[in-house]
């Protein structure tokens, strides 16, 4: 009779293990999606920055336009 409760516990543990493995798999997919979307956004941001620098010119021109955010300023010469 002692083997029945142990059997049930083993089955329950196996089921919990499967559930957790599925949750982990779902999180892995979500993480991959996040990383892909993040990389795409970084590329888009860099393209937009390059266009901004191309059209505005230098940091003084950006300042005249009211753009003072350091992350939007062009890199120093030689660091392109």
PDB file of N, CA and C in Angstrom:
ATOM      1  N   UNK A   1       0.809  -1.187   0.000  1.00  0.00           N
ATOM      2  CA  UNK A   1       0.000   0.000   0.000  1.00  0.00           C
ATOM      3  C   UNK A   1       0.858   1.259   0.000  1.00  0.00           C
ATOM      4  N   UNK A   2       2.041   1.162   0.524  1.00  0.00           N
ATOM      5  CA  UNK A   2       2.913   2.321   0.550  1.00  0.00           C
ATOM      6  C   UNK A   2       3.354   2.727  -0.851  1.00  0.00           C
ATOM      7  N   UNK A   3       3.346   1.806  -1.800  1.00  0.00           N
ATOM      8  CA  UNK A   3       3.820   2.130  -3.143  1.00  0.00           C
ATOM      9  C   UNK A   3       2.841   3.023  -3.906  1.00  0.00           C
ATOM     10  N   UNK A   4       1.549   2.976  -3.607  1.00  0.00           N
ATOM     11  CA  UNK A   4       0.567   3.805  -4.316  1.00  0.00           C
ATOM     12  C   UNK A   4       0.794   5.294  -4.059  1.00  0.00           C
ATOM     13  N   UNK A   5       0.921   5.744  -2.801  1.00  0.00           N
ATOM     14  CA  UNK A   5       1.178   7.172  -2.582  1.00  0.00           C
ATOM     15  C   UNK A   5       2.497   7.625  -3.199  1.00  0.00           C
ATOM     16  N   UNK A   6       3.518   6.789  -3.140  1.00  0.00           N
ATOM     17  CA  UNK A   6       4.793   7.142  -3.754  1.00  0.00           C
ATOM     18  C   UNK A   6       4.626   7.275  -5.259  1.00  0.00           C
ATOM     19  N   UNK A   7       3.849   6.387  -5.845  1.00  0.00           N
ATOM     20  CA  UNK A   7       3.587   6.443  -7.274  1.00  0.00           C
ATOM     21  C   UNK A   7       2.894   7.748  -7.642  1.00  0.00           C
ATOM     22  N   UNK A   8       1.916   8.119  -6.841  1.00  0.00           N
ATOM     23  CA  UNK A   8       1.187   9.359  -7.081  1.00  0.00           C
ATOM     24  C   UNK A   8       2.124  10.555  -6.959  1.00  0.00           C
ATOM     25  N   UNK A   9       2.979  10.551  -5.979  1.00  0.00           N
ATOM     26  CA  UNK A   9       3.931  11.642  -5.810  1.00  0.00           C
ATOM     27  C   UNK A   9       4.872  11.737  -7.001  1.00  0.00           C
ATOM     28  N   UNK A  10       5.325  10.604  -7.488  1.00  0.00           N
ATOM     29  CA  UNK A  10       6.225  10.585  -8.641  1.00  0.00           C
ATOM     30  C   UNK A  10       5.501  11.129  -9.866  1.00  0.00           C
ATOM     31  N   UNK A  11       4.246  10.720 -10.049  1.00  0.00           N
ATOM     32  CA  UNK A  11       3.467  11.224 -11.182  1.00  0.00           C
ATOM     33  C   UNK A  11       3.246  12.733 -11.063  1.00  0.00           C
ATOM     34  N   UNK A  12       2.947  13.180  -9.864  1.00  0.00           N
ATOM     35  CA  UNK A  12       2.732  14.609  -9.642  1.00  0.00           C
ATOM     36  C   UNK A  12       4.015  15.393  -9.896  1.00  0.00           C
ATOM     37  N   UNK A  13       5.128  14.857  -9.423  1.00  0.00           N
ATOM     38  CA  UNK A  13       6.412  15.519  -9.655  1.00  0.00           C
ATOM     39  C   UNK A  13       6.739  15.568 -11.142  1.00  0.00           C
ATOM     40  N   UNK A  14       6.476  14.472 -11.840  1.00  0.00           N
ATOM     41  CA  UNK A  14       6.730  14.429 -13.280  1.00  0.00           C
ATOM     42  C   UNK A  14       5.861  15.452 -14.008  1.00  0.00           C
ATOM     43  N   UNK A  15       4.613  15.586 -13.577  1.00  0.00           N
ATOM     44  CA  UNK A  15       3.710  16.557 -14.186  1.00  0.00           C
ATOM     45  C   UNK A  15       4.194  17.981 -13.916  1.00  0.00           C
ATOM     46  N   UNK A  16       4.598  18.241 -12.678  1.00  0.00           N
ATOM     47  CA  UNK A  16       5.111  19.569 -12.339  1.00  0.00           C
ATOM     48  C   UNK A  16       6.365  19.888 -13.142  1.00  0.00           C
ATOM     49  N   UNK A  17       7.201  18.882 -13.316  1.00  0.00           N
ATOM     50  CA  UNK A  17       8.417  19.055 -14.100  1.00  0.00           C
ATOM     51  C   UNK A  17       8.081  19.429 -15.540  1.00  0.00           C
ATOM     52  N   UNK A  18       7.107  18.753 -16.119  1.00  0.00           N
ATOM     53  CA  UNK A  18       6.679  19.062 -17.488  1.00  0.00           C
ATOM     54  C   UNK A  18       6.128  20.479 -17.587  1.00  0.00           C
ATOM     55  N   UNK A  19       5.340  20.881 -16.609  1.00  0.00           N
ATOM     56  CA  UNK A  19       4.770  22.233 -16.605  1.00  0.00           C
ATOM     57  C   UNK A  19       5.881  23.277 -16.539  1.00  0.00           C
ATOM     58  N   UNK A  20       6.832  23.064 -15.651  1.00  0.00           N
ATOM     59  CA  UNK A  20       7.933  24.020 -15.502  1.00  0.00           C
ATOM     60  C   UNK A  20       8.803  24.052 -16.756  1.00  0.00           C
ATOM     61  N   UNK A  21       9.021  22.908 -17.371  1.00  0.00           N
ATOM     62  CA  UNK A  21       9.804  22.856 -18.606  1.00  0.00           C
ATOM     63  C   UNK A  21       9.099  23.635 -19.714  1.00  0.00           C
ATOM     64  N   UNK A  22       7.786  23.525 -19.778  1.00  0.00           N
ATOM     65  CA  UNK A  22       7.007  24.268 -20.763  1.00  0.00           C
ATOM     66  C   UNK A  22       7.083  25.771 -20.488  1.00  0.00           C
ATOM     67  N   UNK A  23       6.991  26.162 -19.224  1.00  0.00           N
ATOM     68  CA  UNK A  23       7.114  27.574 -18.857  1.00  0.00           C
ATOM     69  C   UNK A  23       8.479  28.115 -19.268  1.00  0.00           C
ATOM     70  N   UNK A  24       9.516  27.328 -19.035  1.00  0.00           N
ATOM     71  CA  UNK A  24      10.863  27.743 -19.405  1.00  0.00           C
ATOM     72  C   UNK A  24      10.985  27.899 -20.915  1.00  0.00           C
ATOM     73  N   UNK A  25      10.412  26.981 -21.635  1.00  0.00           N
ATOM     74  CA  UNK A  25      10.427  27.055 -23.093  1.00  0.00           C
ATOM     75  C   UNK A  25       9.721  28.321 -23.579  1.00  0.00           C
ATOM     76  N   UNK A  26       8.580  28.625 -22.979  1.00  0.00           N
ATOM     77  CA  UNK A  26       7.849  29.844 -23.337  1.00  0.00           C
ATOM     78  C   UNK A  26       8.688  31.090 -23.054  1.00  0.00           C
ATOM     79  N   UNK A  27       9.366  31.099 -21.915  1.00  0.00           N
ATOM     80  CA  UNK A  27      10.213  32.241 -21.572  1.00  0.00           C
ATOM     81  C   UNK A  27      11.381  32.377 -22.543  1.00  0.00           C
ATOM     82  N   UNK A  28      11.942  31.254 -22.968  1.00  0.00           N
ATOM     83  CA  UNK A  28      13.024  31.292 -23.951  1.00  0.00           C
ATOM     84  C   UNK A  28      12.554  31.936 -25.252  1.00  0.00           C
ATOM     85  N   UNK A  29      11.356  31.578 -25.685  1.00  0.00           N
ATOM     86  CA  UNK A  29      10.798  32.169 -26.907  1.00  0.00           C
ATOM     87  C   UNK A  29      10.582  33.667 -26.713  1.00  0.00           C
ATOM     88  N   UNK A  30      10.045  34.043 -25.556  1.00  0.00           N
ATOM     89  CA  UNK A  30       9.821  35.461 -25.273  1.00  0.00           C
ATOM     90  C   UNK A  30      11.140  36.227 -25.250  1.00  0.00           C
ATOM     91  N   UNK A  31      12.169  35.622 -24.677  1.00  0.00           N
ATOM     92  CA  UNK A  31      13.479  36.258 -24.608  1.00  0.00           C
ATOM     93  C   UNK A  31      14.066  36.438 -26.002  1.00  0.00           C
ATOM     94  N   UNK A  32      13.945  35.430 -26.846  1.00  0.00           N
ATOM     95  CA  UNK A  32      14.428  35.536 -28.224  1.00  0.00           C
ATOM     96  C   UNK A  32      13.692  36.647 -28.962  1.00  0.00           C
ATOM     97  N   UNK A  33      12.377  36.727 -28.777  1.00  0.00           N
ATOM     98  CA  UNK A  33      11.588  37.790 -29.404  1.00  0.00           C
ATOM     99  C   UNK A  33      12.054  39.157 -28.917  1.00  0.00           C
ATOM    100  N   UNK A  34      12.256  39.276 -27.612  1.00  0.00           N
ATOM    101  CA  UNK A  34      12.718  40.533 -27.028  1.00  0.00           C
ATOM    102  C   UNK A  34      14.069  40.925 -27.611  1.00  0.00           C
ATOM    103  N   UNK A  35      15.006  39.989 -27.675  1.00  0.00           N
ATOM    104  CA  UNK A  35      16.344  40.293 -28.176  1.00  0.00           C
ATOM    105  C   UNK A  35      16.302  40.709 -29.645  1.00  0.00           C
ATOM    106  N   UNK A  36      15.467  40.042 -30.438  1.00  0.00           N
ATOM    107  CA  UNK A  36      15.333  40.378 -31.852  1.00  0.00           C
ATOM    108  C   UNK A  36      14.730  41.781 -32.009  1.00  0.00           C
ATOM    109  N   UNK A  37      13.660  42.060 -31.269  1.00  0.00           N
ATOM    110  CA  UNK A  37      13.020  43.374 -31.348  1.00  0.00           C
ATOM    111  C   UNK A  37      13.956  44.474 -30.857  1.00  0.00           C
ATOM    112  N   UNK A  38      14.714  44.186 -29.807  1.00  0.00           N
ATOM    113  CA  UNK A  38      15.661  45.172 -29.276  1.00  0.00           C
ATOM    114  C   UNK A  38      16.734  45.489 -30.313  1.00  0.00           C
ATOM    115  N   UNK A  39      17.262  44.452 -30.953  1.00  0.00           N
ATOM    116  CA  UNK A  39      18.288  44.652 -31.977  1.00  0.00           C
ATOM    117  C   UNK A  39      17.736  45.475 -33.142  1.00  0.00           C
ATOM    118  N   UNK A  40      16.497  45.197 -33.536  1.00  0.00           N
ATOM    119  CA  UNK A  40      15.879  45.962 -34.620  1.00  0.00           C
ATOM    120  C   UNK A  40      15.704  47.425 -34.226  1.00  0.00           C
ATOM    121  N   UNK A  41      15.269  47.665 -32.995  1.00  0.00           N
ATOM    122  CA  UNK A  41      15.101  49.047 -32.535  1.00  0.00           C
ATOM    123  C   UNK A  41      16.429  49.791 -32.478  1.00  0.00           C
ATOM    124  N   UNK A  42      17.469  49.114 -32.039  1.00  0.00           N
ATOM    125  CA  UNK A  42      18.793  49.743 -31.994  1.00  0.00           C
ATOM    126  C   UNK A  42      19.242  50.109 -33.400  1.00  0.00           C
ATOM    127  N   UNK A  43      19.017  49.214 -34.366  1.00  0.00           N
ATOM    128  CA  UNK A  43      19.366  49.516 -35.755  1.00  0.00           C
ATOM    129  C   UNK A  43      18.581  50.724 -36.260  1.00  0.00           C
ATOM    130  N   UNK A  44      17.289  50.758 -35.984  1.00  0.00           N
ATOM    131  CA  UNK A  44      16.456  51.877 -36.421  1.00  0.00           C
ATOM    132  C   UNK A  44      16.912  53.184 -35.777  1.00  0.00           C
ATOM    133  N   UNK A  45      17.227  53.136 -34.485  1.00  0.00           N
ATOM    134  CA  UNK A  45      17.706  54.332 -33.783  1.00  0.00           C
ATOM    135  C   UNK A  45      19.005  54.823 -34.404  1.00  0.00           C
ATOM    136  N   UNK A  46      19.925  53.906 -34.674  1.00  0.00           N
ATOM    137  CA  UNK A  46      21.202  54.298 -35.263  1.00  0.00           C
ATOM    138  C   UNK A  46      21.019  54.890 -36.657  1.00  0.00           C
ATOM    139  N   UNK A  47      20.099  54.328 -37.447  1.00  0.00           N
ATOM    140  CA  UNK A  47      19.823  54.882 -38.777  1.00  0.00           C
ATOM    141  C   UNK A  47      19.238  56.286 -38.659  1.00  0.00           C
ATOM    142  N   UNK A  48      18.305  56.459 -37.721  1.00  0.00           N
ATOM    143  CA  UNK A  48      17.713  57.783 -37.523  1.00  0.00           C
ATOM    144  C   UNK A  48      18.748  58.793 -37.036  1.00  0.00           C
ATOM    145  N   UNK A  49      19.633  58.368 -36.146  1.00  0.00           N
ATOM    146  CA  UNK A  49      20.700  59.264 -35.685  1.00  0.00           C
ATOM    147  C   UNK A  49      21.587  59.670 -36.856  1.00  0.00           C
ATOM    148  N   UNK A  50      21.942  58.702 -37.693  1.00  0.00           N
ATOM    149  CA  UNK A  50      22.797  58.996 -38.840  1.00  0.00           C
ATOM    150  C   UNK A  50      22.117  59.991 -39.778  1.00  0.00           C
ATOM    151  N   UNK A  51      20.827  59.811 -40.013  1.00  0.00           N
ATOM    152  CA  UNK A  51      20.088  60.756 -40.853  1.00  0.00           C
ATOM    153  C   UNK A  51      20.045  62.140 -40.211  1.00  0.00           C
ATOM    154  N   UNK A  52      19.835  62.177 -38.906  1.00  0.00           N
ATOM    155  CA  UNK A  52      19.813  63.450 -38.192  1.00  0.00           C
ATOM    156  C   UNK A  52      21.151  64.158 -38.336  1.00  0.00           C
ATOM    157  N   UNK A  53      22.234  63.431 -38.127  1.00  0.00           N
ATOM    158  CA  UNK A  53      23.563  64.026 -38.227  1.00  0.00           C
ATOM    159  C   UNK A  53      23.829  64.493 -39.656  1.00  0.00           C
ATOM    160  N   UNK A  54      23.390  63.686 -40.615  1.00  0.00           N
ATOM    161  CA  UNK A  54      23.605  64.020 -42.021  1.00  0.00           C
ATOM    162  C   UNK A  54      22.882  65.319 -42.381  1.00  0.00           C
ATOM    163  N   UNK A  55      21.662  65.474 -41.906  1.00  0.00           N
ATOM    164  CA  UNK A  55      20.865  66.646 -42.256  1.00  0.00           C
ATOM    165  C   UNK A  55      21.196  67.863 -41.398  1.00  0.00           C
ATOM    166  N   UNK A  56      21.529  67.659 -40.168  1.00  0.00           N
ATOM    167  CA  UNK A  56      21.770  68.787 -39.264  1.00  0.00           C
ATOM    168  C   UNK A  56      23.217  69.240 -39.290  1.00  0.00           C
ATOM    169  N   UNK A  57      24.102  68.337 -39.565  1.00  0.00           N
ATOM    170  CA  UNK A  57      25.509  68.703 -39.582  1.00  0.00           C
ATOM    171  C   UNK A  57      26.187  68.410 -38.265  1.00  0.00           C
ATOM    172  N   UNK A  58      26.651  69.451 -37.611  1.00  0.00           N
ATOM    173  CA  UNK A  58      27.446  69.270 -36.399  1.00  0.00           C
ATOM    174  C   UNK A  58      26.623  69.521 -35.135  1.00  0.00           C
ATOM    175  N   UNK A  59      27.293  69.429 -34.000  1.00  0.00           N
ATOM    176  CA  UNK A  59      26.616  69.583 -32.709  1.00  0.00           C
ATOM    177  C   UNK A  59      26.035  70.986 -32.543  1.00  0.00           C
ATOM    178  N   UNK A  60      26.725  72.008 -33.079  1.00  0.00           N
ATOM    179  CA  UNK A  60      26.203  73.371 -32.961  1.00  0.00           C
ATOM    180  C   UNK A  60      24.882  73.513 -33.722  1.00  0.00           C
ATOM    181  N   UNK A  61      24.793  72.883 -34.892  1.00  0.00           N
ATOM    182  CA  UNK A  61      23.551  72.935 -35.665  1.00  0.00           C
ATOM    183  C   UNK A  61      22.425  72.248 -34.914  1.00  0.00           C
ATOM    184  N   UNK A  62      22.734  71.133 -34.280  1.00  0.00           N
ATOM    185  CA  UNK A  62      21.720  70.428 -33.496  1.00  0.00           C
ATOM    186  C   UNK A  62      21.271  71.287 -32.321  1.00  0.00           C
ATOM    187  N   UNK A  63      22.215  71.975 -31.689  1.00  0.00           N
ATOM    188  CA  UNK A  63      21.878  72.831 -30.549  1.00  0.00           C
ATOM    189  C   UNK A  63      20.958  73.968 -30.994  1.00  0.00           C
ATOM    190  N   UNK A  64      21.217  74.521 -32.178  1.00  0.00           N
ATOM    191  CA  UNK A  64      20.351  75.590 -32.691  1.00  0.00           C
ATOM    192  C   UNK A  64      18.933  75.077 -32.926  1.00  0.00           C
ATOM    193  N   UNK A  65      18.811  73.785 -33.229  1.00  0.00           N
ATOM    194  CA  UNK A  65      17.492  73.179 -33.423  1.00  0.00           C
ATOM    195  C   UNK A  65      16.846  72.788 -32.097  1.00  0.00           C
ATOM    196  N   UNK A  66      17.577  73.000 -30.999  1.00  0.00           N
ATOM    197  CA  UNK A  66      17.038  72.656 -29.683  1.00  0.00           C
ATOM    198  C   UNK A  66      17.317  71.223 -29.280  1.00  0.00           C
ATOM    199  N   UNK A  67      18.192  70.554 -30.021  1.00  0.00           N
ATOM    200  CA  UNK A  67      18.531  69.161 -29.718  1.00  0.00           C
ATOM    201  C   UNK A  67      19.812  69.173 -28.900  1.00  0.00           C
ATOM    202  N   UNK A  68      19.679  68.877 -27.616  1.00  0.00           N
ATOM    203  CA  UNK A  68      20.845  68.915 -26.726  1.00  0.00           C
ATOM    204  C   UNK A  68      21.101  67.578 -26.043  1.00  0.00           C
ATOM    205  N   UNK A  69      20.262  66.604 -26.310  1.00  0.00           N
ATOM    206  CA  UNK A  69      20.437  65.274 -25.714  1.00  0.00           C
ATOM    207  C   UNK A  69      21.754  64.688 -26.218  1.00  0.00           C
ATOM    208  N   UNK A  70      22.673  64.415 -25.311  1.00  0.00           N
ATOM    209  CA  UNK A  70      23.999  63.924 -25.683  1.00  0.00           C
ATOM    210  C   UNK A  70      23.941  62.627 -26.481  1.00  0.00           C
ATOM    211  N   UNK A  71      22.924  61.821 -26.255  1.00  0.00           N
ATOM    212  CA  UNK A  71      22.840  60.556 -26.988  1.00  0.00           C
ATOM    213  C   UNK A  71      22.487  60.776 -28.453  1.00  0.00           C
ATOM    214  N   UNK A  72      22.019  61.966 -28.797  1.00  0.00           N
ATOM    215  CA  UNK A  72      21.669  62.269 -30.184  1.00  0.00           C
ATOM    216  C   UNK A  72      22.770  63.021 -30.913  1.00  0.00           C
ATOM    217  N   UNK A  73      23.765  63.489 -30.172  1.00  0.00           N
ATOM    218  CA  UNK A  73      24.843  64.249 -30.785  1.00  0.00           C
ATOM    219  C   UNK A  73      25.759  63.329 -31.577  1.00  0.00           C
ATOM    220  N   UNK A  74      26.341  63.854 -32.659  1.00  0.00           N
ATOM    221  CA  UNK A  74      27.257  63.022 -33.436  1.00  0.00           C
ATOM    222  C   UNK A  74      28.503  62.700 -32.622  1.00  0.00           C
ATOM    223  N   UNK A  75      29.120  61.560 -32.915  1.00  0.00           N
ATOM    224  CA  UNK A  75      30.347  61.210 -32.193  1.00  0.00           C
ATOM    225  C   UNK A  75      31.466  62.161 -32.588  1.00  0.00           C
ATOM    226  N   UNK A  76      32.486  62.292 -31.739  1.00  0.00           N
ATOM    227  CA  UNK A  76      33.628  63.136 -32.095  1.00  0.00           C
ATOM    228  C   UNK A  76      34.270  62.644 -33.385  1.00  0.00           C
ATOM    229  N   UNK A  77      34.888  63.553 -34.115  1.00  0.00           N
ATOM    230  CA  UNK A  77      35.542  63.193 -35.378  1.00  0.00           C
ATOM    231  C   UNK A  77      36.522  62.052 -35.156  1.00  0.00           C
ATOM    232  N   UNK A  78      36.503  61.114 -36.067  1.00  0.00           N
ATOM    233  CA  UNK A  78      37.391  59.956 -35.962  1.00  0.00           C
ATOM    234  C   UNK A  78      36.776  58.792 -35.222  1.00  0.00           C
ATOM    235  N   UNK A  79      35.620  58.970 -34.595  1.00  0.00           N
ATOM    236  CA  UNK A  79      34.958  57.892 -33.851  1.00  0.00           C
ATOM    237  C   UNK A  79      33.694  57.421 -34.551  1.00  0.00           C
ATOM    238  N   UNK A  80      33.610  57.590 -35.844  1.00  0.00           N
ATOM    239  CA  UNK A  80      32.432  57.153 -36.572  1.00  0.00           C
ATOM    240  C   UNK A  80      32.503  55.685 -36.690  1.00  0.00           C
TER     241      UNK A  80
END
